[in-house]
C-alpha atoms as a PDB file:
ATOM      1  CA  MET A   1     181.324  53.471 295.933  1.00  0.00           C
ATOM      2  CA  SER A   2     180.093  52.996 299.450  1.00  0.00           C
ATOM      3  CA  SER A   3     181.718  51.305 302.528  1.00  0.00           C
ATOM      4  CA  SER A   4     182.171  51.473 306.223  1.00  0.00           C
ATOM      5  CA  VAL A   5     185.504  52.804 307.992  1.00  0.00           C
ATOM      6  CA  SER A   6     185.931  53.141 311.542  1.00  0.00           C
ATOM      7  CA  SER A   7     182.393  55.188 312.737  1.00  0.00           C
ATOM      8  CA  PHE A   8     182.080  56.276 309.292  1.00  0.00           C
ATOM      9  CA  SER A   9     179.720  55.245 306.380  1.00  0.00           C
ATOM     10  CA  ILE A  10     181.376  56.489 303.404  1.00  0.00           C
ATOM     11  CA  ARG A  11     180.138  57.321 299.805  1.00  0.00           C
ATOM     12  CA  ALA A  12     181.977  58.537 297.051  1.00  0.00           C
ATOM     13  CA  PHE A  13     181.722  59.404 293.342  1.00  0.00           C
ATOM     14  CA  GLY A  14     184.041  60.857 290.629  1.00  0.00           C
ATOM     15  CA  GLN A  15     183.612  61.947 287.320  1.00  0.00           C
ATOM     16  CA  THR A  16     185.376  64.149 284.627  1.00  0.00           C
ATOM     17  CA  ASP A  17     184.018  66.279 281.711  1.00  0.00           C
ATOM     18  CA  GLN A  18     185.675  67.971 279.010  1.00  0.00           C
ATOM     19  CA  GLY A  19     183.939  71.497 279.283  1.00  0.00           C
ATOM     20  CA  LEU A  20     182.778  73.476 276.592  1.00  0.00           C
ATOM     21  CA  MET A  21     185.964  75.458 275.323  1.00  0.00           C
ATOM     22  CA  ARG A  22     188.798  72.809 275.117  1.00  0.00           C
ATOM     23  CA  SER A  23     189.274  70.329 272.222  1.00  0.00           C
ATOM     24  CA  GLU A  24     190.227  67.574 274.789  1.00  0.00           C
ATOM     25  CA  ASN A  25     190.014  66.374 278.278  1.00  0.00           C
ATOM     26  CA  GLU A  26     193.257  66.562 279.925  1.00  0.00           C
ATOM     27  CA  ASP A  27     192.154  65.688 283.426  1.00  0.00           C
ATOM     28  CA  SER A  28     192.150  62.031 285.021  1.00  0.00           C
ATOM     29  CA  TYR A  29     191.039  60.736 288.154  1.00  0.00           C
ATOM     30  CA  PHE A  30     191.157  57.611 290.053  1.00  0.00           C
ATOM     31  CA  VAL A  31     188.929  56.135 292.901  1.00  0.00           C
ATOM     32  CA  SER A  32     190.000  52.912 295.264  1.00  0.00           C
ATOM     33  CA  ASP A  33     187.540  51.525 297.543  1.00  0.00           C
ATOM     34  CA  ALA A  34     189.785  48.759 298.692  1.00  0.00           C
ATOM     35  CA  PHE A  35     192.304  51.452 299.858  1.00  0.00           C
ATOM     36  CA  GLN A  36     189.703  54.384 300.483  1.00  0.00           C
ATOM     37  CA  LEU A  37     191.809  56.311 298.183  1.00  0.00           C
ATOM     38  CA  PHE A  38     191.136  59.220 295.671  1.00  0.00           C
ATOM     39  CA  ALA A  39     193.196  60.801 293.294  1.00  0.00           C
ATOM     40  CA  VAL A  40     192.838  63.717 290.348  1.00  0.00           C
ATOM     41  CA  ALA A  41     195.517  64.721 288.104  1.00  0.00           C
ATOM     42  CA  ASP A  42     195.119  67.681 285.468  1.00  0.00           C
ATOM     43  CA  GLY A  43     197.607  67.625 282.415  1.00  0.00           C
ATOM     44  CA  LEU A  44     199.435  70.872 281.710  1.00  0.00           C
ATOM     45  CA  GLY A  45     197.908  72.568 278.872  1.00  0.00           C
ATOM     46  CA  GLY A  46     201.103  74.408 277.997  1.00  0.00           C
ATOM     47  CA  LEU A  47     202.823  71.193 277.439  1.00  0.00           C
ATOM     48  CA  PRO A  48     202.416  68.425 274.899  1.00  0.00           C
ATOM     49  CA  GLU A  49     200.084  65.504 275.598  1.00  0.00           C
ATOM     50  CA  GLY A  50     198.646  66.513 278.605  1.00  0.00           C
ATOM     51  CA  SER A  51     196.165  63.666 278.857  1.00  0.00           C
ATOM     52  CA  VAL A  52     198.978  61.209 278.478  1.00  0.00           C
ATOM     53  CA  ALA A  53     200.595  62.818 281.372  1.00  0.00           C
ATOM     54  CA  SER A  54     197.563  62.600 283.806  1.00  0.00           C
ATOM     55  CA  GLY A  55     196.422  59.409 282.494  1.00  0.00           C
ATOM     56  CA  LEU A  56     199.946  57.962 283.117  1.00  0.00           C
ATOM     57  CA  ALA A  57     199.856  59.447 286.727  1.00  0.00           C
ATOM     58  CA  THR A  58     196.477  57.556 287.606  1.00  0.00           C
ATOM     59  CA  GLU A  59     197.942  54.373 285.826  1.00  0.00           C
ATOM     60  CA  VAL A  60     201.037  54.155 288.083  1.00  0.00           C
ATOM     61  CA  ILE A  61     199.037  54.700 291.115  1.00  0.00           C
ATOM     62  CA  ALA A  62     196.913  51.693 290.326  1.00  0.00           C
ATOM     63  CA  GLU A  63     200.046  49.547 289.591  1.00  0.00           C
ATOM     64  CA  TYR A  64     201.294  50.799 292.909  1.00  0.00           C
ATOM     65  CA  LEU A  65     198.209  49.674 294.897  1.00  0.00           C
ATOM     66  CA  ALA A  66     198.356  46.454 293.280  1.00  0.00           C
ATOM     67  CA  ASP A  67     201.342  45.393 294.999  1.00  0.00           C
ATOM     68  CA  LEU A  68     199.921  46.351 298.160  1.00  0.00           C
ATOM     69  CA  ALA A  69     197.352  44.464 300.647  1.00  0.00           C
ATOM     70  CA  PRO A  70     193.814  46.263 300.514  1.00  0.00           C
ATOM     71  CA  GLY A  71     194.052  48.955 303.153  1.00  0.00           C
ATOM     72  CA  THR A  72     197.645  49.260 303.581  1.00  0.00           C
ATOM     73  CA  PRO A  73     198.830  52.745 304.324  1.00  0.00           C
ATOM     74  CA  VAL A  74     200.031  54.635 301.509  1.00  0.00           C
ATOM     75  CA  ASP A  75     203.959  55.982 301.226  1.00  0.00           C
ATOM     76  CA  PHE A  76     202.979  59.032 299.492  1.00  0.00           C
ATOM     77  CA  ALA A  77     206.790  59.738 298.860  1.00  0.00           C
ATOM     78  CA  ARG A  78     207.427  56.639 297.239  1.00  0.00           C
ATOM     79  CA  MET A  79     203.970  56.793 295.169  1.00  0.00           C
ATOM     80  CA  PHE A  80     204.780  60.146 293.966  1.00  0.00           C
ATOM     81  CA  GLU A  81     208.533  59.433 293.110  1.00  0.00           C
ATOM     82  CA  ARG A  82     207.502  56.470 291.042  1.00  0.00           C
ATOM     83  CA  VAL A  83     204.548  58.735 289.217  1.00  0.00           C
ATOM     84  CA  ASN A  84     207.231  61.457 288.761  1.00  0.00           C
ATOM     85  CA  THR A  85     209.820  58.878 287.036  1.00  0.00           C
ATOM     86  CA  ARG A  86     207.435  57.431 284.923  1.00  0.00           C
ATOM     87  CA  VAL A  87     205.974  60.823 283.633  1.00  0.00           C
ATOM     88  CA  PHE A  88     209.477  62.363 283.409  1.00  0.00           C
ATOM     89  CA  GLU A  89     210.807  59.381 281.303  1.00  0.00           C
ATOM     90  CA  LYS A  90     207.655  59.197 279.052  1.00  0.00           C
ATOM     91  CA  GLY A  91     207.928  63.004 278.530  1.00  0.00           C
ATOM     92  CA  ARG A  92     211.572  62.560 277.123  1.00  0.00           C
ATOM     93  CA  THR A  93     210.122  60.464 274.211  1.00  0.00           C
ATOM     94  CA  ILE A  94     207.269  62.757 273.403  1.00  0.00           C
ATOM     95  CA  SER A  95     209.294  65.787 273.508  1.00  0.00           C
ATOM     96  CA  ALA A  96     213.140  65.827 274.663  1.00  0.00           C
ATOM     97  CA  ASP A  97     212.851  69.957 274.928  1.00  0.00           C
ATOM     98  CA  MET A  98     209.783  70.259 276.858  1.00  0.00           C
ATOM     99  CA  GLY A  99     208.856  66.846 278.273  1.00  0.00           C
ATOM    100  CA  ILE A 100     205.099  66.723 279.603  1.00  0.00           C
ATOM    101  CA  GLY A 101     203.495  67.214 282.915  1.00  0.00           C
ATOM    102  CA  THR A 102     200.608  67.078 285.078  1.00  0.00           C
ATOM    103  CA  THR A 103     199.461  67.747 288.754  1.00  0.00           C
ATOM    104  CA  LEU A 104     198.463  65.142 291.191  1.00  0.00           C
ATOM    105  CA  THR A 105     196.471  65.280 294.428  1.00  0.00           C
ATOM    106  CA  VAL A 106     196.025  62.019 296.444  1.00  0.00           C
ATOM    107  CA  ALA A 107     193.947  61.429 299.528  1.00  0.00           C
ATOM    108  CA  GLN A 108     193.519  58.363 301.530  1.00  0.00           C
ATOM    109  CA  PHE A 109     191.284  57.883 304.080  1.00  0.00           C
ATOM    110  CA  ARG A 110     192.465  55.980 307.162  1.00  0.00           C
ATOM    111  CA  GLN A 111     190.832  55.654 310.551  1.00  0.00           C
ATOM    112  CA  ASP A 112     189.143  59.288 311.200  1.00  0.00           C
ATOM    113  CA  ARG A 113     191.404  61.517 308.675  1.00  0.00           C
ATOM    114  CA  PHE A 114     192.587  62.289 305.255  1.00  0.00           C
ATOM    115  CA  HIS A 115     196.514  61.539 304.624  1.00  0.00           C
ATOM    116  CA  ILE A 116     197.163  63.711 301.448  1.00  0.00           C
ATOM    117  CA  GLY A 117     200.110  63.764 298.905  1.00  0.00           C
ATOM    118  CA  HIS A 118     199.859  67.307 296.750  1.00  0.00           C
ATOM    119  CA  VAL A 119     201.669  68.641 293.704  1.00  0.00           C
ATOM    120  CA  GLY A 120     200.200  71.404 291.762  1.00  0.00           C
ATOM    121  CA  ASP A 121     196.699  72.989 291.947  1.00  0.00           C
ATOM    122  CA  THR A 122     194.309  70.410 291.985  1.00  0.00           C
ATOM    123  CA  GLY A 123     192.835  70.656 295.380  1.00  0.00           C
ATOM    124  CA  LEU A 124     190.999  68.955 298.435  1.00  0.00           C
ATOM    125  CA  VAL A 125     188.102  70.988 300.241  1.00  0.00           C
ATOM    126  CA  VAL A 126     186.266  69.663 303.071  1.00  0.00           C
ATOM    127  CA  PHE A 127     182.959  71.226 303.853  1.00  0.00           C
ATOM    128  CA  GLY A 128     181.362  71.125 307.471  1.00  0.00           C
ATOM    129  CA  PRO A 129     177.659  72.501 308.515  1.00  0.00           C
ATOM    130  CA  ASP A 130     179.038  76.023 309.345  1.00  0.00           C
ATOM    131  CA  SER A 131     182.495  76.273 307.447  1.00  0.00           C
ATOM    132  CA  TRP A 132     184.962  74.822 304.828  1.00  0.00           C
ATOM    133  CA  ARG A 133     188.599  74.166 304.620  1.00  0.00           C
ATOM    134  CA  GLN A 134     190.872  74.111 301.662  1.00  0.00           C
ATOM    135  CA  VAL A 135     193.454  71.590 303.074  1.00  0.00           C
ATOM    136  CA  THR A 136     195.912  71.699 300.142  1.00  0.00           C
ATOM    137  CA  ARG A 137     197.802  74.631 298.990  1.00  0.00           C
ATOM    138  CA  ASP A 138     198.022  75.629 295.387  1.00  0.00           C
ATOM    139  CA  HIS A 139     201.517  75.576 293.832  1.00  0.00           C
ATOM    140  CA  THR A 140     201.227  78.689 291.791  1.00  0.00           C
ATOM    141  CA  MET A 141     202.784  81.860 291.303  1.00  0.00           C
ATOM    142  CA  ALA A 142     199.599  83.825 292.457  1.00  0.00           C
ATOM    143  CA  GLN A 143     199.790  81.751 296.059  1.00  0.00           C
ATOM    144  CA  ASP A 144     203.485  82.242 296.151  1.00  0.00           C
ATOM    145  CA  MET A 145     203.034  86.195 296.130  1.00  0.00           C
ATOM    146  CA  LEU A 146     200.143  86.014 298.706  1.00  0.00           C
ATOM    147  CA  ASP A 147     202.238  84.012 301.016  1.00  0.00           C
ATOM    148  CA  ARG A 148     205.017  86.632 300.988  1.00  0.00           C
ATOM    149  CA  LEU A 149     202.648  89.316 301.809  1.00  0.00           C
ATOM    150  CA  ARG A 150     202.922  90.797 305.303  1.00  0.00           C
ATOM    151  CA  PRO A 151     199.564  91.090 307.228  1.00  0.00           C
ATOM    152  CA  GLY A 152     197.622  94.290 305.937  1.00  0.00           C
ATOM    153  CA  GLU A 153     199.585  94.253 302.705  1.00  0.00           C
ATOM    154  CA  HIS A 154     198.391  94.375 299.475  1.00  0.00           C
ATOM    155  CA  ALA A 155     199.726  93.503 295.670  1.00  0.00           C
ATOM    156  CA  TYR A 156     198.503  93.399 292.185  1.00  0.00           C
ATOM    157  CA  ILE A 157     198.344  89.864 291.016  1.00  0.00           C
ATOM    158  CA  PRO A 158     197.785  89.231 287.372  1.00  0.00           C
ATOM    159  CA  GLU A 159     194.894  86.891 286.640  1.00  0.00           C
ATOM    160  CA  TYR A 160     197.119  84.255 284.684  1.00  0.00           C
ATOM    161  CA  PHE A 161     199.350  84.012 287.882  1.00  0.00           C
ATOM    162  CA  SER A 162     196.575  81.919 289.389  1.00  0.00           C
ATOM    163  CA  HIS A 163     197.097  79.242 286.702  1.00  0.00           C
ATOM    164  CA  THR A 164     200.749  79.455 286.522  1.00  0.00           C
ATOM    165  CA  LEU A 165     202.414  76.445 288.129  1.00  0.00           C
ATOM    166  CA  THR A 166     205.556  76.460 290.398  1.00  0.00           C
ATOM    167  CA  ARG A 167     205.527  72.841 290.769  1.00  0.00           C
ATOM    168  CA  CYS A 168     204.221  69.774 288.916  1.00  0.00           C
ATOM    169  CA  ILE A 169     204.697  66.245 287.955  1.00  0.00           C
ATOM    170  CA  GLY A 170     207.164  65.000 285.318  1.00  0.00           C
ATOM    171  CA  GLN A 171     209.073  68.158 284.325  1.00  0.00           C
ATOM    172  CA  LEU A 172     212.010  67.300 286.814  1.00  0.00           C
ATOM    173  CA  ALA A 173     213.640  64.056 287.490  1.00  0.00           C
ATOM    174  CA  THR A 174     212.754  64.494 291.056  1.00  0.00           C
ATOM    175  CA  ILE A 175     209.862  66.022 292.797  1.00  0.00           C
ATOM    176  CA  LYS A 176     208.940  67.514 296.334  1.00  0.00           C
ATOM    177  CA  VAL A 177     205.461  66.295 297.767  1.00  0.00           C
ATOM    178  CA  ASP A 178     203.431  68.247 300.333  1.00  0.00           C
ATOM    179  CA  ALA A 179     201.973  66.143 302.699  1.00  0.00           C
ATOM    180  CA  TYR A 180     199.009  66.945 304.786  1.00  0.00           C
ATOM    181  CA  GLU A 181     196.501  65.544 307.574  1.00  0.00           C
ATOM    182  CA  ASP A 182     193.038  66.233 307.914  1.00  0.00           C
ATOM    183  CA  VAL A 183     190.747  65.157 310.594  1.00  0.00           C
ATOM    184  CA  ILE A 184     187.199  64.400 309.384  1.00  0.00           C
ATOM    185  CA  GLU A 185     184.101  64.921 311.609  1.00  0.00           C
ATOM    186  CA  PRO A 186     181.078  62.567 310.779  1.00  0.00           C
ATOM    187  CA  GLY A 187     178.698  64.539 308.459  1.00  0.00           C
ATOM    188  CA  GLU A 188     181.351  66.350 306.605  1.00  0.00           C
ATOM    189  CA  ARG A 189     181.890  65.889 302.850  1.00  0.00           C
ATOM    190  CA  ALA A 190     185.247  66.288 300.871  1.00  0.00           C
ATOM    191  CA  VAL A 191     185.590  67.579 297.262  1.00  0.00           C
ATOM    192  CA  LEU A 192     188.785  66.643 295.385  1.00  0.00           C
ATOM    193  CA  PHE A 193     188.878  68.536 292.098  1.00  0.00           C
ATOM    194  CA  SER A 194     190.732  69.948 288.949  1.00  0.00           C
ATOM    195  CA  ASP A 195     191.216  73.838 288.602  1.00  0.00           C
ATOM    196  CA  GLY A 196     188.410  73.816 286.221  1.00  0.00           C
ATOM    197  CA  VAL A 197     186.027  73.805 289.139  1.00  0.00           C
ATOM    198  CA  THR A 198     187.674  77.023 290.820  1.00  0.00           C
ATOM    199  CA  LYS A 199     187.966  79.004 287.468  1.00  0.00           C
ATOM    200  CA  THR A 200     184.097  78.965 287.483  1.00  0.00           C
ATOM    201  CA  MET A 201     182.619  79.060 291.231  1.00  0.00           C
ATOM    202  CA  GLU A 202     183.632  80.218 294.698  1.00  0.00           C
ATOM    203  CA  MET A 203     183.702  77.771 297.668  1.00  0.00           C
ATOM    204  CA  ASP A 204     181.478  80.143 299.590  1.00  0.00           C
ATOM    205  CA  GLU A 205     178.924  80.240 297.100  1.00  0.00           C
ATOM    206  CA  VAL A 206     178.355  76.358 296.490  1.00  0.00           C
ATOM    207  CA  HIS A 207     178.781  75.544 300.245  1.00  0.00           C
ATOM    208  CA  GLU A 208     174.940  75.158 300.985  1.00  0.00           C
ATOM    209  CA  LYS A 209     174.570  73.430 297.758  1.00  0.00           C
ATOM    210  CA  ILE A 210     177.116  71.053 298.520  1.00  0.00           C
ATOM    211  CA  LEU A 211     175.473  70.201 302.041  1.00  0.00           C
ATOM    212  CA  ALA A 212     172.250  69.982 300.343  1.00  0.00           C
ATOM    213  CA  ALA A 213     173.122  67.120 297.819  1.00  0.00           C
ATOM    214  CA  GLU A 214     171.632  64.050 298.517  1.00  0.00           C
ATOM    215  CA  SER A 215     174.325  62.107 297.128  1.00  0.00           C
ATOM    216  CA  PRO A 216     177.966  62.381 296.070  1.00  0.00           C
ATOM    217  CA  LYS A 217     177.057  61.615 292.094  1.00  0.00           C
ATOM    218  CA  GLU A 218     174.448  64.429 292.694  1.00  0.00           C
ATOM    219  CA  LEU A 219     177.028  66.497 294.025  1.00  0.00           C
ATOM    220  CA  VAL A 220     179.485  65.843 290.983  1.00  0.00           C
ATOM    221  CA  GLN A 221     176.874  66.582 288.671  1.00  0.00           C
ATOM    222  CA  TYR A 222     176.057  69.843 290.242  1.00  0.00           C
ATOM    223  CA  ILE A 223     179.659  70.899 290.193  1.00  0.00           C
ATOM    224  CA  ILE A 224     179.979  69.888 286.600  1.00  0.00           C
ATOM    225  CA  ASP A 225     176.731  71.511 285.557  1.00  0.00           C
ATOM    226  CA  THR A 226     177.550  74.864 287.379  1.00  0.00           C
ATOM    227  CA  ALA A 227     181.284  74.903 285.594  1.00  0.00           C
ATOM    228  CA  ASN A 228     179.562  74.263 282.070  1.00  0.00           C
ATOM    229  CA  GLN A 229     176.563  76.951 282.513  1.00  0.00           C
ATOM    230  CA  ARG A 230     179.334  79.254 283.264  1.00  0.00           C
ATOM    231  CA  GLY A 231     181.203  78.966 279.820  1.00  0.00           C
ATOM    232  CA  GLY A 232     182.880  75.475 280.318  1.00  0.00           C
ATOM    233  CA  PRO A 233     186.211  77.282 280.233  1.00  0.00           C
ATOM    234  CA  ASP A 234     188.231  74.384 280.948  1.00  0.00           C
ATOM    235  CA  ASN A 235     188.160  70.498 281.902  1.00  0.00           C
ATOM    236  CA  VAL A 236     186.513  69.973 285.097  1.00  0.00           C
ATOM    237  CA  THR A 237     186.924  66.935 287.420  1.00  0.00           C
ATOM    238  CA  ALA A 238     185.425  65.988 290.789  1.00  0.00           C
ATOM    239  CA  ILE A 239     185.397  63.577 293.354  1.00  0.00           C
ATOM    240  CA  SER A 240     182.906  63.707 296.202  1.00  0.00           C
ATOM    241  CA  ILE A 241     183.093  61.799 299.066  1.00  0.00           C
ATOM    242  CA  PHE A 242     180.374  62.017 302.007  1.00  0.00           C
ATOM    243  CA  PHE A 243     181.126  60.671 305.545  1.00  0.00           C
ATOM    244  CA  ASP A 244     177.803  59.652 306.938  1.00  0.00           C
ATOM    245  CA  GLU A 245     177.137  59.391 310.793  1.00  0.00           C
END
């Protein structure tokens, strides 16, 4: 995908991969050129039908946008409410006791910034020439523990806490959505990803490679290849967005 918005020329590419250890790919992603909108959903492996949950989330996003004129600013509260209701209702038909669930991060680029809705531990990171920043906050037990620490304090955090969610789409009839805005500078690059990425690589480590990639497709392929070269423990999904000057 390539298009011009404001002073930016935007190029984007998304891809998902099953990885080497999973029997099914429970990630889904969505890219809309007309709305400059990007989404990644990661179905919960500890619940039934993770692929159904994530796939339904992106399907409902497409349905929501179909009712709007291209370029319309998205109402994330309304979009996520619709997604959550559909996933929640579907979950009751699949497993009345457990239901189904998925993470969901959606970013729309308008004028000079991202507008973001976020639930779970899919994430959005923006890379500049000298630094990177994670725009979203993970809804995990590990992050909750870190947030409670005072300056200088340390705590033992079990590894599995990093992947134990405190919030997701579809488990409750209502959903709380975190909203963010992030101003983008020309030349920066953004990556929207599932946690299969962060399980296998650190952002400091890949920063230079991300800036060196010549195209969004090359960057996404690098991320997927790196995850699989390191054992491919999970599904991995990435959407890369280049903001060319």
